Amino acid sequence: MTDQYHIGSFVVHCQPGQTNSVRRAIGAMPGAEIHACTEDGKLVVTLEREDRTDMQVGMEAIATLSGVLSAALTYHRVEALDELRENG
């Protein structure tokens, strides 16, 4: 276990007609949450992971989903787990 917690935010652009399948796939990923979806297939997604490597794996998993045209990281934050536990 690591002493860090990673939070990333993405804009994911889906191929026409693939938005629902991409939403289901992302929704099934641990630590992933979809916050918004537009009619033209753009999603706002957050991903929470406990270490940098796992965050990279999660980012790659989203970017390579069938039906995804692009996945752009818009925000990445690293928190110390001790601080989260104290404030949580």
PDB file of N, CA and C in Angstrom:
ATOM      1  N   MET A   1       0.846  -1.190   0.000  1.00  0.00           N
ATOM      2  CA  MET A   1       0.000   0.000   0.000  1.00  0.00           C
ATOM      3  C   MET A   1       0.882   1.241   0.000  1.00  0.00           C
ATOM      4  N   THR A   2       0.426   2.270  -0.649  1.00  0.00           N
ATOM      5  CA  THR A   2       1.183   3.506  -0.775  1.00  0.00           C
ATOM      6  C   THR A   2       0.617   4.562   0.165  1.00  0.00           C
ATOM      7  N   ASP A   3       1.352   5.635   0.356  1.00  0.00           N
ATOM      8  CA  ASP A   3       0.891   6.708   1.231  1.00  0.00           C
ATOM      9  C   ASP A   3       0.292   7.862   0.434  1.00  0.00           C
ATOM     10  N   GLN A   4      -0.015   7.610  -0.849  1.00  0.00           N
ATOM     11  CA  GLN A   4      -0.596   8.637  -1.711  1.00  0.00           C
ATOM     12  C   GLN A   4      -1.926   8.183  -2.275  1.00  0.00           C
ATOM     13  N   TYR A   5      -2.709   9.173  -2.674  1.00  0.00           N
ATOM     14  CA  TYR A   5      -3.993   8.910  -3.324  1.00  0.00           C
ATOM     15  C   TYR A   5      -4.067   9.818  -4.544  1.00  0.00           C
ATOM     16  N   HIS A   6      -4.321   9.253  -5.723  1.00  0.00           N
ATOM     17  CA  HIS A   6      -4.332   9.998  -6.976  1.00  0.00           C
ATOM     18  C   HIS A   6      -5.761  10.194  -7.469  1.00  0.00           C
ATOM     19  N   ILE A   7      -6.051  11.408  -7.896  1.00  0.00           N
ATOM     20  CA  ILE A   7      -7.358  11.754  -8.449  1.00  0.00           C
ATOM     21  C   ILE A   7      -7.119  12.414  -9.800  1.00  0.00           C
ATOM     22  N   GLY A   8      -7.719  11.843 -10.837  1.00  0.00           N
ATOM     23  CA  GLY A   8      -7.573  12.394 -12.179  1.00  0.00           C
ATOM     24  C   GLY A   8      -8.928  12.682 -12.787  1.00  0.00           C
ATOM     25  N   SER A   9      -8.983  13.689 -13.636  1.00  0.00           N
ATOM     26  CA  SER A   9     -10.208  14.053 -14.348  1.00  0.00           C
ATOM     27  C   SER A   9      -9.902  14.046 -15.840  1.00  0.00           C
ATOM     28  N   PHE A  10     -10.857  13.551 -16.626  1.00  0.00           N
ATOM     29  CA  PHE A  10     -10.674  13.383 -18.058  1.00  0.00           C
ATOM     30  C   PHE A  10     -11.888  13.869 -18.821  1.00  0.00           C
ATOM     31  N   VAL A  11     -11.642  14.288 -20.049  1.00  0.00           N
ATOM     32  CA  VAL A  11     -12.711  14.450 -21.024  1.00  0.00           C
ATOM     33  C   VAL A  11     -12.519  13.316 -22.019  1.00  0.00           C
ATOM     34  N   VAL A  12     -13.546  12.503 -22.148  1.00  0.00           N
ATOM     35  CA  VAL A  12     -13.507  11.344 -23.032  1.00  0.00           C
ATOM     36  C   VAL A  12     -14.464  11.605 -24.189  1.00  0.00           C
ATOM     37  N   HIS A  13     -13.966  11.468 -25.418  1.00  0.00           N
ATOM     38  CA  HIS A  13     -14.788  11.685 -26.607  1.00  0.00           C
ATOM     39  C   HIS A  13     -15.061  10.324 -27.238  1.00  0.00           C
ATOM     40  N   CYS A  14     -16.339  10.011 -27.395  1.00  0.00           N
ATOM     41  CA  CYS A  14     -16.761   8.704 -27.916  1.00  0.00           C
ATOM     42  C   CYS A  14     -17.107   8.786 -29.400  1.00  0.00           C
ATOM     43  N   GLN A  15     -16.967   7.649 -30.081  1.00  0.00           N
ATOM     44  CA  GLN A  15     -17.411   7.545 -31.464  1.00  0.00           C
ATOM     45  C   GLN A  15     -18.931   7.642 -31.487  1.00  0.00           C
ATOM     46  N   PRO A  16     -19.492   8.205 -32.551  1.00  0.00           N
ATOM     47  CA  PRO A  16     -20.951   8.275 -32.658  1.00  0.00           C
ATOM     48  C   PRO A  16     -21.576   6.884 -32.491  1.00  0.00           C
ATOM     49  N   GLY A  17     -22.603   6.817 -31.684  1.00  0.00           N
ATOM     50  CA  GLY A  17     -23.311   5.571 -31.443  1.00  0.00           C
ATOM     51  C   GLY A  17     -22.664   4.653 -30.420  1.00  0.00           C
ATOM     52  N   GLN A  18     -21.513   5.033 -29.876  1.00  0.00           N
ATOM     53  CA  GLN A  18     -20.798   4.187 -28.915  1.00  0.00           C
ATOM     54  C   GLN A  18     -20.851   4.715 -27.481  1.00  0.00           C
ATOM     55  N   THR A  19     -21.516   5.826 -27.264  1.00  0.00           N
ATOM     56  CA  THR A  19     -21.496   6.464 -25.948  1.00  0.00           C
ATOM     57  C   THR A  19     -22.013   5.543 -24.850  1.00  0.00           C
ATOM     58  N   ASN A  20     -23.116   4.867 -25.089  1.00  0.00           N
ATOM     59  CA  ASN A  20     -23.683   4.016 -24.035  1.00  0.00           C
ATOM     60  C   ASN A  20     -22.759   2.865 -23.662  1.00  0.00           C
ATOM     61  N   SER A  21     -22.125   2.240 -24.646  1.00  0.00           N
ATOM     62  CA  SER A  21     -21.220   1.135 -24.324  1.00  0.00           C
ATOM     63  C   SER A  21     -19.974   1.637 -23.597  1.00  0.00           C
ATOM     64  N   VAL A  22     -19.486   2.801 -23.968  1.00  0.00           N
ATOM     65  CA  VAL A  22     -18.335   3.385 -23.265  1.00  0.00           C
ATOM     66  C   VAL A  22     -18.729   3.743 -21.840  1.00  0.00           C
ATOM     67  N   ARG A  23     -19.903   4.303 -21.665  1.00  0.00           N
ATOM     68  CA  ARG A  23     -20.372   4.649 -20.313  1.00  0.00           C
ATOM     69  C   ARG A  23     -20.451   3.413 -19.436  1.00  0.00           C
ATOM     70  N   ARG A  24     -20.977   2.322 -19.971  1.00  0.00           N
ATOM     71  CA  ARG A  24     -21.070   1.079 -19.194  1.00  0.00           C
ATOM     72  C   ARG A  24     -19.674   0.570 -18.815  1.00  0.00           C
ATOM     73  N   ALA A  25     -18.756   0.598 -19.759  1.00  0.00           N
ATOM     74  CA  ALA A  25     -17.400   0.108 -19.497  1.00  0.00           C
ATOM     75  C   ALA A  25     -16.689   0.954 -18.443  1.00  0.00           C
ATOM     76  N   ILE A  26     -16.792   2.262 -18.548  1.00  0.00           N
ATOM     77  CA  ILE A  26     -16.163   3.136 -17.558  1.00  0.00           C
ATOM     78  C   ILE A  26     -16.838   2.968 -16.209  1.00  0.00           C
ATOM     79  N   GLY A  27     -18.151   2.876 -16.203  1.00  0.00           N
ATOM     80  CA  GLY A  27     -18.886   2.697 -14.952  1.00  0.00           C
ATOM     81  C   GLY A  27     -18.522   1.422 -14.216  1.00  0.00           C
ATOM     82  N   ALA A  28     -18.043   0.418 -14.930  1.00  0.00           N
ATOM     83  CA  ALA A  28     -17.643  -0.846 -14.313  1.00  0.00           C
ATOM     84  C   ALA A  28     -16.212  -0.820 -13.774  1.00  0.00           C
ATOM     85  N   MET A  29     -15.470   0.230 -14.057  1.00  0.00           N
ATOM     86  CA  MET A  29     -14.076   0.314 -13.601  1.00  0.00           C
ATOM     87  C   MET A  29     -14.030   0.789 -12.147  1.00  0.00           C
ATOM     88  N   PRO A  30     -13.254   0.100 -11.317  1.00  0.00           N
ATOM     89  CA  PRO A  30     -13.115   0.546  -9.925  1.00  0.00           C
ATOM     90  C   PRO A  30     -12.534   1.960  -9.859  1.00  0.00           C
ATOM     91  N   GLY A  31     -13.129   2.802  -9.048  1.00  0.00           N
ATOM     92  CA  GLY A  31     -12.631   4.162  -8.846  1.00  0.00           C
ATOM     93  C   GLY A  31     -12.991   5.147  -9.929  1.00  0.00           C
ATOM     94  N   ALA A  32     -13.758   4.713 -10.944  1.00  0.00           N
ATOM     95  CA  ALA A  32     -14.149   5.612 -12.039  1.00  0.00           C
ATOM     96  C   ALA A  32     -15.582   6.082 -11.837  1.00  0.00           C
ATOM     97  N   GLU A  33     -15.816   7.334 -12.184  1.00  0.00           N
ATOM     98  CA  GLU A  33     -17.165   7.901 -12.085  1.00  0.00           C
ATOM     99  C   GLU A  33     -17.384   8.864 -13.244  1.00  0.00           C
ATOM    100  N   ILE A  34     -18.548   8.775 -13.854  1.00  0.00           N
ATOM    101  CA  ILE A  34     -18.923   9.688 -14.933  1.00  0.00           C
ATOM    102  C   ILE A  34     -19.781  10.790 -14.325  1.00  0.00           C
ATOM    103  N   HIS A  35     -19.389  12.035 -14.556  1.00  0.00           N
ATOM    104  CA  HIS A  35     -20.080  13.170 -13.950  1.00  0.00           C
ATOM    105  C   HIS A  35     -20.984  13.909 -14.931  1.00  0.00           C
ATOM    106  N   ALA A  36     -20.688  13.785 -16.228  1.00  0.00           N
ATOM    107  CA  ALA A  36     -21.500  14.477 -17.232  1.00  0.00           C
ATOM    108  C   ALA A  36     -21.330  13.779 -18.570  1.00  0.00           C
ATOM    109  N   CYS A  37     -22.358  13.930 -19.413  1.00  0.00           N
ATOM    110  CA  CYS A  37     -22.327  13.362 -20.756  1.00  0.00           C
ATOM    111  C   CYS A  37     -23.088  14.304 -21.677  1.00  0.00           C
ATOM    112  N   THR A  38     -22.496  14.641 -22.809  1.00  0.00           N
ATOM    113  CA  THR A  38     -23.162  15.515 -23.769  1.00  0.00           C
ATOM    114  C   THR A  38     -23.799  14.673 -24.870  1.00  0.00           C
ATOM    115  N   GLU A  39     -24.691  15.289 -25.622  1.00  0.00           N
ATOM    116  CA  GLU A  39     -25.374  14.589 -26.708  1.00  0.00           C
ATOM    117  C   GLU A  39     -24.414  14.176 -27.817  1.00  0.00           C
ATOM    118  N   ASP A  40     -23.291  14.886 -27.953  1.00  0.00           N
ATOM    119  CA  ASP A  40     -22.341  14.540 -29.012  1.00  0.00           C
ATOM    120  C   ASP A  40     -21.256  13.566 -28.543  1.00  0.00           C
ATOM    121  N   GLY A  41     -21.454  12.931 -27.384  1.00  0.00           N
ATOM    122  CA  GLY A  41     -20.574  11.855 -26.955  1.00  0.00           C
ATOM    123  C   GLY A  41     -19.340  12.241 -26.176  1.00  0.00           C
ATOM    124  N   LYS A  42     -19.381  13.353 -25.475  1.00  0.00           N
ATOM    125  CA  LYS A  42     -18.263  13.737 -24.620  1.00  0.00           C
ATOM    126  C   LYS A  42     -18.648  13.456 -23.160  1.00  0.00           C
ATOM    127  N   LEU A  43     -17.725  12.836 -22.433  1.00  0.00           N
ATOM    128  CA  LEU A  43     -17.948  12.482 -21.039  1.00  0.00           C
ATOM    129  C   LEU A  43     -16.942  13.194 -20.154  1.00  0.00           C
ATOM    130  N   VAL A  44     -17.367  13.579 -18.971  1.00  0.00           N
ATOM    131  CA  VAL A  44     -16.460  14.068 -17.939  1.00  0.00           C
ATOM    132  C   VAL A  44     -16.342  12.931 -16.923  1.00  0.00           C
ATOM    133  N   VAL A  45     -15.113  12.462 -16.728  1.00  0.00           N
ATOM    134  CA  VAL A  45     -14.856  11.268 -15.931  1.00  0.00           C
ATOM    135  C   VAL A  45     -13.803  11.579 -14.874  1.00  0.00           C
ATOM    136  N   THR A  46     -13.995  11.060 -13.658  1.00  0.00           N
ATOM    137  CA  THR A  46     -12.924  11.089 -12.667  1.00  0.00           C
ATOM    138  C   THR A  46     -12.484   9.661 -12.389  1.00  0.00           C
ATOM    139  N   LEU A  47     -11.222   9.548 -12.021  1.00  0.00           N
ATOM    140  CA  LEU A  47     -10.630   8.258 -11.704  1.00  0.00           C
ATOM    141  C   LEU A  47      -9.807   8.436 -10.441  1.00  0.00           C
ATOM    142  N   GLU A  48     -10.031   7.580  -9.464  1.00  0.00           N
ATOM    143  CA  GLU A  48      -9.302   7.641  -8.202  1.00  0.00           C
ATOM    144  C   GLU A  48      -8.522   6.344  -8.027  1.00  0.00           C
ATOM    145  N   ARG A  49      -7.238   6.478  -7.737  1.00  0.00           N
ATOM    146  CA  ARG A  49      -6.363   5.320  -7.575  1.00  0.00           C
ATOM    147  C   ARG A  49      -5.356   5.582  -6.460  1.00  0.00           C
ATOM    148  N   GLU A  50      -4.773   4.502  -5.922  1.00  0.00           N
ATOM    149  CA  GLU A  50      -3.875   4.623  -4.770  1.00  0.00           C
ATOM    150  C   GLU A  50      -2.403   4.781  -5.113  1.00  0.00           C
ATOM    151  N   ASP A  51      -2.033   4.628  -6.374  1.00  0.00           N
ATOM    152  CA  ASP A  51      -0.639   4.885  -6.720  1.00  0.00           C
ATOM    153  C   ASP A  51      -0.533   5.319  -8.177  1.00  0.00           C
ATOM    154  N   ARG A  52       0.617   5.856  -8.528  1.00  0.00           N
ATOM    155  CA  ARG A  52       0.845   6.422  -9.860  1.00  0.00           C
ATOM    156  C   ARG A  52       0.712   5.360 -10.951  1.00  0.00           C
ATOM    157  N   THR A  53       1.273   4.195 -10.706  1.00  0.00           N
ATOM    158  CA  THR A  53       1.216   3.132 -11.714  1.00  0.00           C
ATOM    159  C   THR A  53      -0.218   2.713 -11.979  1.00  0.00           C
ATOM    160  N   ASP A  54      -1.004   2.543 -10.933  1.00  0.00           N
ATOM    161  CA  ASP A  54      -2.405   2.153 -11.092  1.00  0.00           C
ATOM    162  C   ASP A  54      -3.191   3.253 -11.812  1.00  0.00           C
ATOM    163  N   MET A  55      -2.851   4.516 -11.567  1.00  0.00           N
ATOM    164  CA  MET A  55      -3.502   5.621 -12.275  1.00  0.00           C
ATOM    165  C   MET A  55      -3.166   5.543 -13.768  1.00  0.00           C
ATOM    166  N   GLN A  56      -1.923   5.275 -14.090  1.00  0.00           N
ATOM    167  CA  GLN A  56      -1.524   5.160 -15.498  1.00  0.00           C
ATOM    168  C   GLN A  56      -2.236   4.000 -16.178  1.00  0.00           C
ATOM    169  N   VAL A  57      -2.363   2.885 -15.478  1.00  0.00           N
ATOM    170  CA  VAL A  57      -3.077   1.724 -16.022  1.00  0.00           C
ATOM    171  C   VAL A  57      -4.542   2.078 -16.269  1.00  0.00           C
ATOM    172  N   GLY A  58      -5.158   2.776 -15.320  1.00  0.00           N
ATOM    173  CA  GLY A  58      -6.553   3.188 -15.479  1.00  0.00           C
ATOM    174  C   GLY A  58      -6.748   4.162 -16.630  1.00  0.00           C
ATOM    175  N   MET A  59      -5.826   5.112 -16.770  1.00  0.00           N
ATOM    176  CA  MET A  59      -5.896   6.071 -17.866  1.00  0.00           C
ATOM    177  C   MET A  59      -5.798   5.354 -19.212  1.00  0.00           C
ATOM    178  N   GLU A  60      -4.869   4.414 -19.302  1.00  0.00           N
ATOM    179  CA  GLU A  60      -4.684   3.647 -20.535  1.00  0.00           C
ATOM    180  C   GLU A  60      -5.921   2.799 -20.830  1.00  0.00           C
ATOM    181  N   ALA A  61      -6.517   2.241 -19.783  1.00  0.00           N
ATOM    182  CA  ALA A  61      -7.721   1.418 -19.967  1.00  0.00           C
ATOM    183  C   ALA A  61      -8.865   2.243 -20.540  1.00  0.00           C
ATOM    184  N   ILE A  62      -9.030   3.470 -20.071  1.00  0.00           N
ATOM    185  CA  ILE A  62     -10.086   4.342 -20.590  1.00  0.00           C
ATOM    186  C   ILE A  62      -9.776   4.728 -22.037  1.00  0.00           C
ATOM    187  N   ALA A  63      -8.544   5.132 -22.293  1.00  0.00           N
ATOM    188  CA  ALA A  63      -8.163   5.612 -23.629  1.00  0.00           C
ATOM    189  C   ALA A  63      -8.280   4.535 -24.700  1.00  0.00           C
ATOM    190  N   THR A  64      -8.130   3.283 -24.316  1.00  0.00           N
ATOM    191  CA  THR A  64      -8.129   2.202 -25.307  1.00  0.00           C
ATOM    192  C   THR A  64      -9.443   1.428 -25.364  1.00  0.00           C
ATOM    193  N   LEU A  65     -10.461   1.912 -24.670  1.00  0.00           N
ATOM    194  CA  LEU A  65     -11.769   1.262 -24.754  1.00  0.00           C
ATOM    195  C   LEU A  65     -12.295   1.320 -26.186  1.00  0.00           C
ATOM    196  N   SER A  66     -12.941   0.275 -26.596  1.00  0.00           N
ATOM    197  CA  SER A  66     -13.602   0.280 -27.897  1.00  0.00           C
ATOM    198  C   SER A  66     -14.650   1.384 -27.907  1.00  0.00           C
ATOM    199  N   GLY A  67     -14.624   2.227 -28.915  1.00  0.00           N
ATOM    200  CA  GLY A  67     -15.573   3.328 -29.015  1.00  0.00           C
ATOM    201  C   GLY A  67     -15.046   4.659 -28.524  1.00  0.00           C
ATOM    202  N   VAL A  68     -13.831   4.686 -27.953  1.00  0.00           N
ATOM    203  CA  VAL A  68     -13.240   5.944 -27.479  1.00  0.00           C
ATOM    204  C   VAL A  68     -12.348   6.518 -28.571  1.00  0.00           C
ATOM    205  N   LEU A  69     -12.621   7.766 -28.943  1.00  0.00           N
ATOM    206  CA  LEU A  69     -11.784   8.480 -29.907  1.00  0.00           C
ATOM    207  C   LEU A  69     -10.586   9.128 -29.221  1.00  0.00           C
ATOM    208  N   SER A  70     -10.829   9.719 -28.035  1.00  0.00           N
ATOM    209  CA  SER A  70      -9.754  10.358 -27.284  1.00  0.00           C
ATOM    210  C   SER A  70     -10.129  10.436 -25.812  1.00  0.00           C
ATOM    211  N   ALA A  71      -9.101  10.462 -24.983  1.00  0.00           N
ATOM    212  CA  ALA A  71      -9.282  10.655 -23.544  1.00  0.00           C
ATOM    213  C   ALA A  71      -8.192  11.620 -23.102  1.00  0.00           C
ATOM    214  N   ALA A  72      -8.590  12.819 -22.727  1.00  0.00           N
ATOM    215  CA  ALA A  72      -7.633  13.864 -22.376  1.00  0.00           C
ATOM    216  C   ALA A  72      -7.648  14.116 -20.874  1.00  0.00           C
ATOM    217  N   LEU A  73      -6.482  13.973 -20.253  1.00  0.00           N
ATOM    218  CA  LEU A  73      -6.340  14.286 -18.837  1.00  0.00           C
ATOM    219  C   LEU A  73      -6.450  15.795 -18.663  1.00  0.00           C
ATOM    220  N   THR A  74      -7.373  16.230 -17.820  1.00  0.00           N
ATOM    221  CA  THR A  74      -7.549  17.662 -17.593  1.00  0.00           C
ATOM    222  C   THR A  74      -7.106  18.096 -16.205  1.00  0.00           C
ATOM    223  N   TYR A  75      -6.969  17.127 -15.294  1.00  0.00           N
ATOM    224  CA  TYR A  75      -6.608  17.462 -13.917  1.00  0.00           C
ATOM    225  C   TYR A  75      -6.034  16.215 -13.256  1.00  0.00           C
ATOM    226  N   HIS A  76      -4.964  16.398 -12.481  1.00  0.00           N
ATOM    227  CA  HIS A  76      -4.395  15.298 -11.712  1.00  0.00           C
ATOM    228  C   HIS A  76      -3.919  15.857 -10.385  1.00  0.00           C
ATOM    229  N   ARG A  77      -4.371  15.228  -9.331  1.00  0.00           N
ATOM    230  CA  ARG A  77      -3.987  15.675  -7.990  1.00  0.00           C
ATOM    231  C   ARG A  77      -3.495  14.477  -7.200  1.00  0.00           C
ATOM    232  N   VAL A  78      -2.474  14.708  -6.404  1.00  0.00           N
ATOM    233  CA  VAL A  78      -1.947  13.674  -5.528  1.00  0.00           C
ATOM    234  C   VAL A  78      -2.118  14.162  -4.100  1.00  0.00           C
ATOM    235  N   GLU A  79      -2.791  13.353  -3.296  1.00  0.00           N
ATOM    236  CA  GLU A  79      -3.025  13.677  -1.887  1.00  0.00           C
ATOM    237  C   GLU A  79      -2.268  12.694  -1.008  1.00  0.00           C
ATOM    238  N   ALA A  80      -1.824  13.145   0.134  1.00  0.00           N
ATOM    239  CA  ALA A  80      -1.237  12.256   1.129  1.00  0.00           C
ATOM    240  C   ALA A  80      -2.379  11.567   1.862  1.00  0.00           C
ATOM    241  N   LEU A  81      -2.332  10.241   1.968  1.00  0.00           N
ATOM    242  CA  LEU A  81      -3.409   9.501   2.630  1.00  0.00           C
ATOM    243  C   LEU A  81      -3.576   9.925   4.082  1.00  0.00           C
ATOM    244  N   ASP A  82      -2.495  10.250   4.757  1.00  0.00           N
ATOM    245  CA  ASP A  82      -2.593  10.681   6.149  1.00  0.00           C
ATOM    246  C   ASP A  82      -3.462  11.928   6.277  1.00  0.00           C
ATOM    247  N   GLU A  83      -3.301  12.888   5.352  1.00  0.00           N
ATOM    248  CA  GLU A  83      -4.098  14.112   5.392  1.00  0.00           C
ATOM    249  C   GLU A  83      -5.564  13.824   5.095  1.00  0.00           C
ATOM    250  N   LEU A  84      -5.817  12.924   4.151  1.00  0.00           N
ATOM    251  CA  LEU A  84      -7.201  12.573   3.838  1.00  0.00           C
ATOM    252  C   LEU A  84      -7.880  11.917   5.028  1.00  0.00           C
ATOM    253  N   ARG A  85      -7.165  11.048   5.711  1.00  0.00           N
ATOM    254  CA  ARG A  85      -7.738  10.375   6.890  1.00  0.00           C
ATOM    255  C   ARG A  85      -8.031  11.374   8.008  1.00  0.00           C
ATOM    256  N   GLU A  86      -7.135  12.356   8.203  1.00  0.00           N
ATOM    257  CA  GLU A  86      -7.331  13.363   9.243  1.00  0.00           C
ATOM    258  C   GLU A  86      -8.525  14.254   8.933  1.00  0.00           C
ATOM    259  N   ASN A  87      -8.699  14.609   7.656  1.00  0.00           N
ATOM    260  CA  ASN A  87      -9.779  15.510   7.245  1.00  0.00           C
ATOM    261  C   ASN A  87     -11.066  14.788   6.908  1.00  0.00           C
ATOM    262  N   GLY A  88     -11.007  13.483   6.722  1.00  0.00           N
ATOM    263  CA  GLY A  88     -12.171  12.718   6.280  1.00  0.00           C
ATOM    264  C   GLY A  88     -12.993  12.257   7.394  1.00  0.00           C
TER     265      GLY A  88
END
